[in-house]
Amino acid sequence: MELRHLQYFKRVAELEHLTKAASELYITQSHLSHVIIELETELGVKLFDRVGRGVRLNPCGREFYRDVVRLFYEYEDAKKKAQDNYKRQSTQ
């Protein structure tokens, strides 16, 4: 699982549409579908219910989405702390 794949999952979850998400992410819809299937396989659970031409988060997907959002907040916080520490060290 790569951070980029979690970003892809997050965007699909927010839009509930693979084609729109793929367009925003500048990747093909088939590649995005493949990434989602790989992620579901790795986790051992389905994250989405396929509904017509779209997708909808199922209960496992909603819980995973909340965790992924929290992970990205923590990642951004850690990145900012590292940058702030670097700035402090380079001015001393």
PDB file of N, CA and C in Angstrom:
ATOM      1  N   MET A   1       0.846  -1.172   0.000  1.00  0.00           N
ATOM      2  CA  MET A   1       0.000   0.000   0.000  1.00  0.00           C
ATOM      3  C   MET A   1       0.894   1.238   0.000  1.00  0.00           C
ATOM      4  N   GLU A   2       0.611   2.125  -0.900  1.00  0.00           N
ATOM      5  CA  GLU A   2       1.377   3.358  -1.007  1.00  0.00           C
ATOM      6  C   GLU A   2       0.507   4.537  -0.576  1.00  0.00           C
ATOM      7  N   LEU A   3       1.160   5.577  -0.102  1.00  0.00           N
ATOM      8  CA  LEU A   3       0.447   6.786   0.292  1.00  0.00           C
ATOM      9  C   LEU A   3      -0.405   7.311  -0.865  1.00  0.00           C
ATOM     10  N   ARG A   4       0.131   7.230  -2.056  1.00  0.00           N
ATOM     11  CA  ARG A   4      -0.590   7.688  -3.248  1.00  0.00           C
ATOM     12  C   ARG A   4      -1.892   6.903  -3.423  1.00  0.00           C
ATOM     13  N   HIS A   5      -1.866   5.619  -3.130  1.00  0.00           N
ATOM     14  CA  HIS A   5      -3.065   4.792  -3.255  1.00  0.00           C
ATOM     15  C   HIS A   5      -4.124   5.208  -2.243  1.00  0.00           C
ATOM     16  N   LEU A   6      -3.675   5.597  -1.056  1.00  0.00           N
ATOM     17  CA  LEU A   6      -4.622   6.096  -0.056  1.00  0.00           C
ATOM     18  C   LEU A   6      -5.219   7.429  -0.497  1.00  0.00           C
ATOM     19  N   GLN A   7      -4.413   8.260  -1.156  1.00  0.00           N
ATOM     20  CA  GLN A   7      -4.937   9.513  -1.705  1.00  0.00           C
ATOM     21  C   GLN A   7      -5.996   9.221  -2.769  1.00  0.00           C
ATOM     22  N   TYR A   8      -5.742   8.229  -3.591  1.00  0.00           N
ATOM     23  CA  TYR A   8      -6.709   7.846  -4.624  1.00  0.00           C
ATOM     24  C   TYR A   8      -8.004   7.360  -3.974  1.00  0.00           C
ATOM     25  N   PHE A   9      -7.873   6.481  -2.986  1.00  0.00           N
ATOM     26  CA  PHE A   9      -9.047   5.978  -2.282  1.00  0.00           C
ATOM     27  C   PHE A   9      -9.847   7.133  -1.688  1.00  0.00           C
ATOM     28  N   LYS A  10      -9.156   8.050  -1.043  1.00  0.00           N
ATOM     29  CA  LYS A  10      -9.807   9.185  -0.389  1.00  0.00           C
ATOM     30  C   LYS A  10     -10.627  10.000  -1.386  1.00  0.00           C
ATOM     31  N   ARG A  11     -10.064  10.244  -2.555  1.00  0.00           N
ATOM     32  CA  ARG A  11     -10.775  11.054  -3.554  1.00  0.00           C
ATOM     33  C   ARG A  11     -11.977  10.305  -4.117  1.00  0.00           C
ATOM     34  N   VAL A  12     -11.835   9.013  -4.362  1.00  0.00           N
ATOM     35  CA  VAL A  12     -12.976   8.226  -4.835  1.00  0.00           C
ATOM     36  C   VAL A  12     -14.069   8.233  -3.775  1.00  0.00           C
ATOM     37  N   ALA A  13     -13.689   8.087  -2.516  1.00  0.00           N
ATOM     38  CA  ALA A  13     -14.669   8.087  -1.433  1.00  0.00           C
ATOM     39  C   ALA A  13     -15.409   9.422  -1.357  1.00  0.00           C
ATOM     40  N   GLU A  14     -14.701  10.508  -1.569  1.00  0.00           N
ATOM     41  CA  GLU A  14     -15.316  11.832  -1.496  1.00  0.00           C
ATOM     42  C   GLU A  14     -16.263  12.096  -2.667  1.00  0.00           C
ATOM     43  N   LEU A  15     -15.894  11.629  -3.837  1.00  0.00           N
ATOM     44  CA  LEU A  15     -16.709  11.878  -5.033  1.00  0.00           C
ATOM     45  C   LEU A  15     -17.728  10.773  -5.305  1.00  0.00           C
ATOM     46  N   GLU A  16     -17.450   9.583  -4.785  1.00  0.00           N
ATOM     47  CA  GLU A  16     -18.246   8.392  -5.074  1.00  0.00           C
ATOM     48  C   GLU A  16     -18.441   8.210  -6.581  1.00  0.00           C
ATOM     49  N   HIS A  17     -17.344   8.423  -7.300  1.00  0.00           N
ATOM     50  CA  HIS A  17     -17.383   8.270  -8.756  1.00  0.00           C
ATOM     51  C   HIS A  17     -15.959   8.053  -9.259  1.00  0.00           C
ATOM     52  N   LEU A  18     -15.708   6.892  -9.851  1.00  0.00           N
ATOM     53  CA  LEU A  18     -14.356   6.556 -10.303  1.00  0.00           C
ATOM     54  C   LEU A  18     -13.881   7.435 -11.452  1.00  0.00           C
ATOM     55  N   THR A  19     -14.729   7.667 -12.430  1.00  0.00           N
ATOM     56  CA  THR A  19     -14.302   8.439 -13.598  1.00  0.00           C
ATOM     57  C   THR A  19     -13.969   9.879 -13.218  1.00  0.00           C
ATOM     58  N   LYS A  20     -14.816  10.501 -12.397  1.00  0.00           N
ATOM     59  CA  LYS A  20     -14.546  11.885 -11.960  1.00  0.00           C
ATOM     60  C   LYS A  20     -13.268  11.945 -11.122  1.00  0.00           C
ATOM     61  N   ALA A  21     -13.103  10.977 -10.238  1.00  0.00           N
ATOM     62  CA  ALA A  21     -11.894  10.952  -9.407  1.00  0.00           C
ATOM     63  C   ALA A  21     -10.657  10.759 -10.269  1.00  0.00           C
ATOM     64  N   ALA A  22     -10.732   9.851 -11.219  1.00  0.00           N
ATOM     65  CA  ALA A  22      -9.587   9.603 -12.104  1.00  0.00           C
ATOM     66  C   ALA A  22      -9.222  10.866 -12.866  1.00  0.00           C
ATOM     67  N   SER A  23     -10.214  11.573 -13.346  1.00  0.00           N
ATOM     68  CA  SER A  23      -9.969  12.811 -14.078  1.00  0.00           C
ATOM     69  C   SER A  23      -9.266  13.840 -13.196  1.00  0.00           C
ATOM     70  N   GLU A  24      -9.743  14.003 -11.977  1.00  0.00           N
ATOM     71  CA  GLU A  24      -9.121  14.958 -11.042  1.00  0.00           C
ATOM     72  C   GLU A  24      -7.707  14.546 -10.662  1.00  0.00           C
ATOM     73  N   LEU A  25      -7.466  13.247 -10.621  1.00  0.00           N
ATOM     74  CA  LEU A  25      -6.151  12.740 -10.221  1.00  0.00           C
ATOM     75  C   LEU A  25      -5.187  12.602 -11.399  1.00  0.00           C
ATOM     76  N   TYR A  26      -5.692  12.884 -12.604  1.00  0.00           N
ATOM     77  CA  TYR A  26      -4.890  12.799 -13.827  1.00  0.00           C
ATOM     78  C   TYR A  26      -4.356  11.397 -14.072  1.00  0.00           C
ATOM     79  N   ILE A  27      -5.221  10.410 -13.837  1.00  0.00           N
ATOM     80  CA  ILE A  27      -4.899   9.020 -14.138  1.00  0.00           C
ATOM     81  C   ILE A  27      -6.090   8.421 -14.894  1.00  0.00           C
ATOM     82  N   THR A  28      -5.887   7.265 -15.469  1.00  0.00           N
ATOM     83  CA  THR A  28      -6.991   6.630 -16.186  1.00  0.00           C
ATOM     84  C   THR A  28      -7.953   5.971 -15.193  1.00  0.00           C
ATOM     85  N   GLN A  29      -9.181   5.855 -15.621  1.00  0.00           N
ATOM     86  CA  GLN A  29     -10.196   5.211 -14.785  1.00  0.00           C
ATOM     87  C   GLN A  29      -9.832   3.744 -14.552  1.00  0.00           C
ATOM     88  N   SER A  30      -9.275   3.090 -15.547  1.00  0.00           N
ATOM     89  CA  SER A  30      -8.911   1.680 -15.387  1.00  0.00           C
ATOM     90  C   SER A  30      -7.784   1.510 -14.365  1.00  0.00           C
ATOM     91  N   HIS A  31      -6.817   2.430 -14.371  1.00  0.00           N
ATOM     92  CA  HIS A  31      -5.739   2.360 -13.376  1.00  0.00           C
ATOM     93  C   HIS A  31      -6.305   2.588 -11.977  1.00  0.00           C
ATOM     94  N   LEU A  32      -7.191   3.560 -11.850  1.00  0.00           N
ATOM     95  CA  LEU A  32      -7.788   3.842 -10.548  1.00  0.00           C
ATOM     96  C   LEU A  32      -8.603   2.646 -10.058  1.00  0.00           C
ATOM     97  N   SER A  33      -9.379   2.040 -10.933  1.00  0.00           N
ATOM     98  CA  SER A  33     -10.144   0.838 -10.559  1.00  0.00           C
ATOM     99  C   SER A  33      -9.209  -0.259 -10.081  1.00  0.00           C
ATOM    100  N   HIS A  34      -8.105  -0.430 -10.783  1.00  0.00           N
ATOM    101  CA  HIS A  34      -7.118  -1.448 -10.421  1.00  0.00           C
ATOM    102  C   HIS A  34      -6.536  -1.163  -9.030  1.00  0.00           C
ATOM    103  N   VAL A  35      -6.209   0.084  -8.756  1.00  0.00           N
ATOM    104  CA  VAL A  35      -5.655   0.455  -7.449  1.00  0.00           C
ATOM    105  C   VAL A  35      -6.669   0.162  -6.344  1.00  0.00           C
ATOM    106  N   ILE A  36      -7.931   0.497  -6.567  1.00  0.00           N
ATOM    107  CA  ILE A  36      -8.960   0.254  -5.557  1.00  0.00           C
ATOM    108  C   ILE A  36      -9.125  -1.245  -5.317  1.00  0.00           C
ATOM    109  N   ILE A  37      -9.134  -2.024  -6.374  1.00  0.00           N
ATOM    110  CA  ILE A  37      -9.245  -3.484  -6.232  1.00  0.00           C
ATOM    111  C   ILE A  37      -8.046  -4.040  -5.473  1.00  0.00           C
ATOM    112  N   GLU A  38      -6.840  -3.555  -5.790  1.00  0.00           N
ATOM    113  CA  GLU A  38      -5.634  -3.998  -5.063  1.00  0.00           C
ATOM    114  C   GLU A  38      -5.723  -3.640  -3.585  1.00  0.00           C
ATOM    115  N   LEU A  39      -6.209  -2.439  -3.291  1.00  0.00           N
ATOM    116  CA  LEU A  39      -6.340  -1.989  -1.907  1.00  0.00           C
ATOM    117  C   LEU A  39      -7.344  -2.871  -1.167  1.00  0.00           C
ATOM    118  N   GLU A  40      -8.481  -3.148  -1.790  1.00  0.00           N
ATOM    119  CA  GLU A  40      -9.478  -4.016  -1.169  1.00  0.00           C
ATOM    120  C   GLU A  40      -8.915  -5.419  -0.951  1.00  0.00           C
ATOM    121  N   THR A  41      -8.152  -5.909  -1.911  1.00  0.00           N
ATOM    122  CA  THR A  41      -7.541  -7.235  -1.780  1.00  0.00           C
ATOM    123  C   THR A  41      -6.540  -7.255  -0.633  1.00  0.00           C
ATOM    124  N   GLU A  42      -5.716  -6.232  -0.555  1.00  0.00           N
ATOM    125  CA  GLU A  42      -4.714  -6.160   0.516  1.00  0.00           C
ATOM    126  C   GLU A  42      -5.376  -6.095   1.890  1.00  0.00           C
ATOM    127  N   LEU A  43      -6.463  -5.328   1.982  1.00  0.00           N
ATOM    128  CA  LEU A  43      -7.163  -5.188   3.258  1.00  0.00           C
ATOM    129  C   LEU A  43      -8.034  -6.409   3.571  1.00  0.00           C
ATOM    130  N   GLY A  44      -8.423  -7.123   2.532  1.00  0.00           N
ATOM    131  CA  GLY A  44      -9.282  -8.282   2.735  1.00  0.00           C
ATOM    132  C   GLY A  44     -10.745  -7.925   2.930  1.00  0.00           C
ATOM    133  N   VAL A  45     -11.125  -6.710   2.557  1.00  0.00           N
ATOM    134  CA  VAL A  45     -12.520  -6.262   2.680  1.00  0.00           C
ATOM    135  C   VAL A  45     -12.891  -5.411   1.472  1.00  0.00           C
ATOM    136  N   LYS A  46     -14.156  -5.401   1.148  1.00  0.00           N
ATOM    137  CA  LYS A  46     -14.671  -4.478   0.134  1.00  0.00           C
ATOM    138  C   LYS A  46     -14.897  -3.138   0.814  1.00  0.00           C
ATOM    139  N   LEU A  47     -14.508  -2.060   0.141  1.00  0.00           N
ATOM    140  CA  LEU A  47     -14.668  -0.712   0.676  1.00  0.00           C
ATOM    141  C   LEU A  47     -15.855   0.008   0.053  1.00  0.00           C
ATOM    142  N   PHE A  48     -16.216  -0.408  -1.142  1.00  0.00           N
ATOM    143  CA  PHE A  48     -17.279   0.238  -1.898  1.00  0.00           C
ATOM    144  C   PHE A  48     -18.311  -0.782  -2.337  1.00  0.00           C
ATOM    145  N   ASP A  49     -19.544  -0.318  -2.431  1.00  0.00           N
ATOM    146  CA  ASP A  49     -20.582  -1.059  -3.128  1.00  0.00           C
ATOM    147  C   ASP A  49     -20.694  -0.411  -4.493  1.00  0.00           C
ATOM    148  N   ARG A  50     -20.712  -1.243  -5.516  1.00  0.00           N
ATOM    149  CA  ARG A  50     -20.852  -0.715  -6.872  1.00  0.00           C
ATOM    150  C   ARG A  50     -22.338  -0.467  -7.119  1.00  0.00           C
ATOM    151  N   VAL A  51     -22.684   0.760  -7.503  1.00  0.00           N
ATOM    152  CA  VAL A  51     -24.073   1.152  -7.706  1.00  0.00           C
ATOM    153  C   VAL A  51     -24.183   1.767  -9.094  1.00  0.00           C
ATOM    154  N   GLY A  52     -24.762   1.034 -10.018  1.00  0.00           N
ATOM    155  CA  GLY A  52     -24.865   1.534 -11.384  1.00  0.00           C
ATOM    156  C   GLY A  52     -23.489   1.873 -11.921  1.00  0.00           C
ATOM    157  N   ARG A  53     -23.317   3.125 -12.319  1.00  0.00           N
ATOM    158  CA  ARG A  53     -22.028   3.560 -12.855  1.00  0.00           C
ATOM    159  C   ARG A  53     -21.135   4.176 -11.774  1.00  0.00           C
ATOM    160  N   GLY A  54     -21.637   4.241 -10.565  1.00  0.00           N
ATOM    161  CA  GLY A  54     -20.878   4.853  -9.482  1.00  0.00           C
ATOM    162  C   GLY A  54     -20.508   3.852  -8.404  1.00  0.00           C
ATOM    163  N   VAL A  55     -19.942   4.373  -7.348  1.00  0.00           N
ATOM    164  CA  VAL A  55     -19.590   3.566  -6.188  1.00  0.00           C
ATOM    165  C   VAL A  55     -20.067   4.299  -4.944  1.00  0.00           C
ATOM    166  N   ARG A  56     -20.333   3.541  -3.912  1.00  0.00           N
ATOM    167  CA  ARG A  56     -20.761   4.128  -2.651  1.00  0.00           C
ATOM    168  C   ARG A  56     -20.001   3.427  -1.533  1.00  0.00           C
ATOM    169  N   LEU A  57     -19.478   4.201  -0.606  1.00  0.00           N
ATOM    170  CA  LEU A  57     -18.772   3.602   0.526  1.00  0.00           C
ATOM    171  C   LEU A  57     -19.716   2.698   1.302  1.00  0.00           C
ATOM    172  N   ASN A  58     -19.239   1.519   1.640  1.00  0.00           N
ATOM    173  CA  ASN A  58     -20.010   0.651   2.519  1.00  0.00           C
ATOM    174  C   ASN A  58     -19.535   0.908   3.954  1.00  0.00           C
ATOM    175  N   PRO A  59     -20.096   0.252   4.959  1.00  0.00           N
ATOM    176  CA  PRO A  59     -19.672   0.517   6.348  1.00  0.00           C
ATOM    177  C   PRO A  59     -18.164   0.348   6.574  1.00  0.00           C
ATOM    178  N   CYS A  60     -17.548  -0.684   5.998  1.00  0.00           N
ATOM    179  CA  CYS A  60     -16.088  -0.854   6.141  1.00  0.00           C
ATOM    180  C   CYS A  60     -15.358   0.311   5.488  1.00  0.00           C
ATOM    181  N   GLY A  61     -15.832   0.734   4.326  1.00  0.00           N
ATOM    182  CA  GLY A  61     -15.225   1.844   3.608  1.00  0.00           C
ATOM    183  C   GLY A  61     -15.330   3.154   4.369  1.00  0.00           C
ATOM    184  N   ARG A  62     -16.488   3.382   5.004  1.00  0.00           N
ATOM    185  CA  ARG A  62     -16.655   4.626   5.779  1.00  0.00           C
ATOM    186  C   ARG A  62     -15.682   4.682   6.946  1.00  0.00           C
ATOM    187  N   GLU A  63     -15.541   3.556   7.635  1.00  0.00           N
ATOM    188  CA  GLU A  63     -14.601   3.524   8.768  1.00  0.00           C
ATOM    189  C   GLU A  63     -13.169   3.700   8.280  1.00  0.00           C
ATOM    190  N   PHE A  64     -12.809   3.021   7.188  1.00  0.00           N
ATOM    191  CA  PHE A  64     -11.467   3.154   6.627  1.00  0.00           C
ATOM    192  C   PHE A  64     -11.232   4.590   6.167  1.00  0.00           C
ATOM    193  N   TYR A  65     -12.241   5.216   5.562  1.00  0.00           N
ATOM    194  CA  TYR A  65     -12.119   6.609   5.118  1.00  0.00           C
ATOM    195  C   TYR A  65     -11.805   7.525   6.298  1.00  0.00           C
ATOM    196  N   ARG A  66     -12.519   7.364   7.399  1.00  0.00           N
ATOM    197  CA  ARG A  66     -12.251   8.197   8.587  1.00  0.00           C
ATOM    198  C   ARG A  66     -10.806   8.033   9.052  1.00  0.00           C
ATOM    199  N   ASP A  67     -10.324   6.793   9.056  1.00  0.00           N
ATOM    200  CA  ASP A  67      -8.938   6.532   9.472  1.00  0.00           C
ATOM    201  C   ASP A  67      -7.937   7.143   8.493  1.00  0.00           C
ATOM    202  N   VAL A  68      -8.231   7.066   7.204  1.00  0.00           N
ATOM    203  CA  VAL A  68      -7.334   7.633   6.190  1.00  0.00           C
ATOM    204  C   VAL A  68      -7.285   9.154   6.318  1.00  0.00           C
ATOM    205  N   VAL A  69      -8.429   9.789   6.541  1.00  0.00           N
ATOM    206  CA  VAL A  69      -8.456  11.241   6.730  1.00  0.00           C
ATOM    207  C   VAL A  69      -7.605  11.628   7.940  1.00  0.00           C
ATOM    208  N   ARG A  70      -7.775  10.892   9.029  1.00  0.00           N
ATOM    209  CA  ARG A  70      -6.977  11.156  10.237  1.00  0.00           C
ATOM    210  C   ARG A  70      -5.489  10.953   9.957  1.00  0.00           C
ATOM    211  N   LEU A  71      -5.145   9.913   9.196  1.00  0.00           N
ATOM    212  CA  LEU A  71      -3.754   9.645   8.834  1.00  0.00           C
ATOM    213  C   LEU A  71      -3.156  10.823   8.060  1.00  0.00           C
ATOM    214  N   PHE A  72      -3.917  11.372   7.122  1.00  0.00           N
ATOM    215  CA  PHE A  72      -3.410  12.501   6.342  1.00  0.00           C
ATOM    216  C   PHE A  72      -3.240  13.756   7.199  1.00  0.00           C
ATOM    217  N   TYR A  73      -4.139  13.970   8.163  1.00  0.00           N
ATOM    218  CA  TYR A  73      -3.955  15.097   9.087  1.00  0.00           C
ATOM    219  C   TYR A  73      -2.664  14.915   9.878  1.00  0.00           C
ATOM    220  N   GLU A  74      -2.440  13.706  10.362  1.00  0.00           N
ATOM    221  CA  GLU A  74      -1.220  13.429  11.134  1.00  0.00           C
ATOM    222  C   GLU A  74       0.020  13.571  10.262  1.00  0.00           C
ATOM    223  N   TYR A  75      -0.068  13.118   9.020  1.00  0.00           N
ATOM    224  CA  TYR A  75       1.051  13.253   8.083  1.00  0.00           C
ATOM    225  C   TYR A  75       1.378  14.718   7.844  1.00  0.00           C
ATOM    226  N   GLU A  76       0.351  15.528   7.594  1.00  0.00           N
ATOM    227  CA  GLU A  76       0.574  16.961   7.360  1.00  0.00           C
ATOM    228  C   GLU A  76       1.163  17.629   8.600  1.00  0.00           C
ATOM    229  N   ASP A  77       0.695  17.252   9.774  1.00  0.00           N
ATOM    230  CA  ASP A  77       1.226  17.791  11.019  1.00  0.00           C
ATOM    231  C   ASP A  77       2.695  17.405  11.195  1.00  0.00           C
ATOM    232  N   ALA A  78       3.029  16.146  10.931  1.00  0.00           N
ATOM    233  CA  ALA A  78       4.411  15.686  11.047  1.00  0.00           C
ATOM    234  C   ALA A  78       5.310  16.403  10.040  1.00  0.00           C
ATOM    235  N   LYS A  79       4.812  16.601   8.832  1.00  0.00           N
ATOM    236  CA  LYS A  79       5.584  17.299   7.799  1.00  0.00           C
ATOM    237  C   LYS A  79       5.865  18.741   8.221  1.00  0.00           C
ATOM    238  N   LYS A  80       4.840  19.407   8.753  1.00  0.00           N
ATOM    239  CA  LYS A  80       5.019  20.796   9.198  1.00  0.00           C
ATOM    240  C   LYS A  80       6.020  20.872  10.346  1.00  0.00           C
ATOM    241  N   LYS A  81       5.932  19.952  11.291  1.00  0.00           N
ATOM    242  CA  LYS A  81       6.885  19.931  12.407  1.00  0.00           C
ATOM    243  C   LYS A  81       8.310  19.738  11.905  1.00  0.00           C
ATOM    244  N   ALA A  82       8.507  18.833  10.968  1.00  0.00           N
ATOM    245  CA  ALA A  82       9.841  18.591  10.419  1.00  0.00           C
ATOM    246  C   ALA A  82      10.365  19.838   9.723  1.00  0.00           C
ATOM    247  N   GLN A  83       9.513  20.508   8.953  1.00  0.00           N
ATOM    248  CA  GLN A  83       9.928  21.725   8.258  1.00  0.00           C
ATOM    249  C   GLN A  83      10.247  22.845   9.243  1.00  0.00           C
ATOM    250  N   ASP A  84       9.436  22.966  10.287  1.00  0.00           N
ATOM    251  CA  ASP A  84       9.688  23.992  11.303  1.00  0.00           C
ATOM    252  C   ASP A  84      11.002  23.724  12.029  1.00  0.00           C
ATOM    253  N   ASN A  85      11.270  22.454  12.354  1.00  0.00           N
ATOM    254  CA  ASN A  85      12.523  22.092  13.022  1.00  0.00           C
ATOM    255  C   ASN A  85      13.714  22.391  12.119  1.00  0.00           C
ATOM    256  N   TYR A  86      13.578  22.107  10.853  1.00  0.00           N
ATOM    257  CA  TYR A  86      14.660  22.373   9.901  1.00  0.00           C
ATOM    258  C   TYR A  86      14.930  23.872   9.823  1.00  0.00           C
ATOM    259  N   LYS A  87      13.883  24.668   9.758  1.00  0.00           N
ATOM    260  CA  LYS A  87      14.044  26.133   9.704  1.00  0.00           C
ATOM    261  C   LYS A  87      14.736  26.649  10.950  1.00  0.00           C
ATOM    262  N   ARG A  88      14.332  26.129  12.122  1.00  0.00           N
ATOM    263  CA  ARG A  88      14.957  26.565  13.367  1.00  0.00           C
ATOM    264  C   ARG A  88      16.442  26.198  13.394  1.00  0.00           C
ATOM    265  N   GLN A  89      16.770  24.991  12.944  1.00  0.00           N
ATOM    266  CA  GLN A  89      18.167  24.540  12.968  1.00  0.00           C
ATOM    267  C   GLN A  89      19.018  25.316  11.974  1.00  0.00           C
ATOM    268  N   SER A  90      18.444  25.658  10.837  1.00  0.00           N
ATOM    269  CA  SER A  90      19.248  26.331   9.824  1.00  0.00           C
ATOM    270  C   SER A  90      19.463  27.824  10.150  1.00  0.00           C
ATOM    271  N   THR A  91      18.692  28.374  11.067  1.00  0.00           N
ATOM    272  CA  THR A  91      18.900  29.778  11.440  1.00  0.00           C
ATOM    273  C   THR A  91      19.779  29.921  12.669  1.00  0.00           C
ATOM    274  N   GLN A  92      20.136  28.804  13.276  1.00  0.00           N
ATOM    275  CA  GLN A  92      20.983  28.883  14.474  1.00  0.00           C
ATOM    276  C   GLN A  92      22.438  28.884  14.121  1.00  0.00           C
TER     277      GLN A  92
END
